Amino acid sequence: MIEFLQTMTWREWIIFALVLGAFETFMPGAVAIWFAASAAVIGLLLVVWQAMPWQWQWVLWAALGIVAMVWYRNYKKANPDVESEPTLN
């Protein structure tokens, strides 16, 4: 398993992003979607820079996912959803 995580190609990162995106449909809360987006970014970066060390890939994936999730939470807190008829089903 460790060998697989150390040798992930851009295709595997994109597949990982798709799996996380699909997982978000079953687990609402806008968490997995941001990690899916960061996995897609890593996959696209690997298309350009194929020699990126695997440690950088995983640290960058985690950092991008956390930053995006925190940004979204702060955005939703500052701009809550407003319903025109809140008593309607």
C-alpha atoms as a PDB file:
ATOM      1  CA  MET A   1       0.000   0.000   0.000  1.00  0.00           C
ATOM      2  CA  ILE A   2       2.819   2.397   0.849  1.00  0.00           C
ATOM      3  CA  GLU A   3       4.402   1.743  -2.541  1.00  0.00           C
ATOM      4  CA  PHE A   4       1.157   2.685  -4.282  1.00  0.00           C
ATOM      5  CA  LEU A   5       0.860   5.935  -2.316  1.00  0.00           C
ATOM      6  CA  GLN A   6       4.461   6.794  -3.167  1.00  0.00           C
ATOM      7  CA  THR A   7       4.041   6.195  -6.895  1.00  0.00           C
ATOM      8  CA  MET A   8       0.653   7.709  -7.700  1.00  0.00           C
ATOM      9  CA  THR A   9       0.487   9.106 -11.224  1.00  0.00           C
ATOM     10  CA  TRP A  10      -1.735  11.924 -12.457  1.00  0.00           C
ATOM     11  CA  ARG A  11      -4.359   9.365 -13.519  1.00  0.00           C
ATOM     12  CA  GLU A  12      -4.646   7.942 -10.028  1.00  0.00           C
ATOM     13  CA  TRP A  13      -4.994  11.432  -8.556  1.00  0.00           C
ATOM     14  CA  ILE A  14      -7.841  12.184 -10.967  1.00  0.00           C
ATOM     15  CA  ILE A  15      -9.535   8.874 -10.100  1.00  0.00           C
ATOM     16  CA  PHE A  16      -9.043   9.695  -6.402  1.00  0.00           C
ATOM     17  CA  ALA A  17     -10.698  13.083  -7.034  1.00  0.00           C
ATOM     18  CA  LEU A  18     -13.663  11.417  -8.747  1.00  0.00           C
ATOM     19  CA  VAL A  19     -14.082   8.935  -5.897  1.00  0.00           C
ATOM     20  CA  LEU A  20     -13.995  11.711  -3.308  1.00  0.00           C
ATOM     21  CA  GLY A  21     -16.476  13.722  -5.364  1.00  0.00           C
ATOM     22  CA  ALA A  22     -18.829  10.748  -5.520  1.00  0.00           C
ATOM     23  CA  PHE A  23     -18.372  10.205  -1.791  1.00  0.00           C
ATOM     24  CA  GLU A  24     -19.572  13.768  -1.187  1.00  0.00           C
ATOM     25  CA  THR A  25     -22.987  12.854  -2.639  1.00  0.00           C
ATOM     26  CA  PHE A  26     -23.471  10.308   0.148  1.00  0.00           C
ATOM     27  CA  MET A  27     -21.915  12.426   2.900  1.00  0.00           C
ATOM     28  CA  PRO A  28     -23.183  16.009   2.627  1.00  0.00           C
ATOM     29  CA  GLY A  29     -21.376  18.756   4.453  1.00  0.00           C
ATOM     30  CA  ALA A  30     -19.003  20.161   1.835  1.00  0.00           C
ATOM     31  CA  VAL A  31     -15.896  18.449   3.146  1.00  0.00           C
ATOM     32  CA  ALA A  32     -14.948  15.737   0.677  1.00  0.00           C
ATOM     33  CA  ILE A  33     -15.620  17.949  -2.337  1.00  0.00           C
ATOM     34  CA  TRP A  34     -12.784  20.287  -1.370  1.00  0.00           C
ATOM     35  CA  PHE A  35     -10.365  17.409  -0.965  1.00  0.00           C
ATOM     36  CA  ALA A  36     -11.583  16.103  -4.321  1.00  0.00           C
ATOM     37  CA  ALA A  37     -10.821  19.467  -5.883  1.00  0.00           C
ATOM     38  CA  SER A  38      -7.363  19.506  -4.342  1.00  0.00           C
ATOM     39  CA  ALA A  39      -6.718  15.961  -5.620  1.00  0.00           C
ATOM     40  CA  ALA A  40      -7.693  17.140  -9.095  1.00  0.00           C
ATOM     41  CA  VAL A  41      -5.266  20.068  -8.768  1.00  0.00           C
ATOM     42  CA  ILE A  42      -2.476  17.670  -7.778  1.00  0.00           C
ATOM     43  CA  GLY A  43      -3.330  15.460 -10.755  1.00  0.00           C
ATOM     44  CA  LEU A  44      -3.131  18.443 -13.095  1.00  0.00           C
ATOM     45  CA  LEU A  45       0.144  19.556 -11.520  1.00  0.00           C
ATOM     46  CA  LEU A  46       1.581  16.102 -12.146  1.00  0.00           C
ATOM     47  CA  VAL A  47       0.763  16.439 -15.840  1.00  0.00           C
ATOM     48  CA  VAL A  48       3.070  19.453 -15.915  1.00  0.00           C
ATOM     49  CA  TRP A  49       5.626  18.428 -13.279  1.00  0.00           C
ATOM     50  CA  GLN A  50       5.875  14.636 -13.302  1.00  0.00           C
ATOM     51  CA  ALA A  51       8.912  14.549 -11.029  1.00  0.00           C
ATOM     52  CA  MET A  52       7.118  16.120  -8.052  1.00  0.00           C
ATOM     53  CA  PRO A  53       8.181  14.216  -4.916  1.00  0.00           C
ATOM     54  CA  TRP A  54       5.417  12.102  -3.425  1.00  0.00           C
ATOM     55  CA  GLN A  55       5.804  13.811  -0.041  1.00  0.00           C
ATOM     56  CA  TRP A  56       5.047  17.170  -1.640  1.00  0.00           C
ATOM     57  CA  GLN A  57       2.032  15.689  -3.389  1.00  0.00           C
ATOM     58  CA  TRP A  58       0.419  14.516  -0.160  1.00  0.00           C
ATOM     59  CA  VAL A  59       1.297  17.615   1.872  1.00  0.00           C
ATOM     60  CA  LEU A  60       0.049  19.909  -0.899  1.00  0.00           C
ATOM     61  CA  TRP A  61      -3.141  17.838  -1.246  1.00  0.00           C
ATOM     62  CA  ALA A  62      -3.876  18.087   2.483  1.00  0.00           C
ATOM     63  CA  ALA A  63      -2.998  21.794   2.670  1.00  0.00           C
ATOM     64  CA  LEU A  64      -5.104  22.723  -0.369  1.00  0.00           C
ATOM     65  CA  GLY A  65      -8.052  20.705   0.934  1.00  0.00           C
ATOM     66  CA  ILE A  66      -7.939  22.282   4.391  1.00  0.00           C
ATOM     67  CA  VAL A  67      -7.509  25.822   3.038  1.00  0.00           C
ATOM     68  CA  ALA A  68     -10.403  25.380   0.589  1.00  0.00           C
ATOM     69  CA  MET A  69     -12.667  23.881   3.248  1.00  0.00           C
ATOM     70  CA  VAL A  70     -11.928  26.660   5.758  1.00  0.00           C
ATOM     71  CA  TRP A  71     -12.403  29.320   3.069  1.00  0.00           C
ATOM     72  CA  TYR A  72     -15.801  27.840   2.127  1.00  0.00           C
ATOM     73  CA  ARG A  73     -16.938  27.628   5.757  1.00  0.00           C
ATOM     74  CA  ASN A  74     -15.984  31.260   6.348  1.00  0.00           C
ATOM     75  CA  TYR A  75     -17.716  32.307   3.128  1.00  0.00           C
ATOM     76  CA  LYS A  76     -20.932  30.492   4.087  1.00  0.00           C
ATOM     77  CA  LYS A  77     -20.829  32.013   7.554  1.00  0.00           C
ATOM     78  CA  ALA A  78     -20.509  35.523   6.117  1.00  0.00           C
ATOM     79  CA  ASN A  79     -23.070  34.886   3.339  1.00  0.00           C
ATOM     80  CA  PRO A  80     -25.781  32.537   4.626  1.00  0.00           C
ATOM     81  CA  ASP A  81     -28.448  31.175   2.325  1.00  0.00           C
ATOM     82  CA  VAL A  82     -31.498  33.426   2.349  1.00  0.00           C
ATOM     83  CA  GLU A  83     -34.860  31.938   1.500  1.00  0.00           C
ATOM     84  CA  SER A  84     -37.646  34.088   0.101  1.00  0.00           C
ATOM     85  CA  GLU A  85     -40.299  32.064   1.958  1.00  0.00           C
ATOM     86  CA  PRO A  86     -38.755  30.409   5.029  1.00  0.00           C
ATOM     87  CA  THR A  87     -42.031  28.782   6.161  1.00  0.00           C
ATOM     88  CA  LEU A  88     -42.491  26.959   2.866  1.00  0.00           C
ATOM     89  CA  ASN A  89     -41.562  23.283   2.839  1.00  0.00           C
END
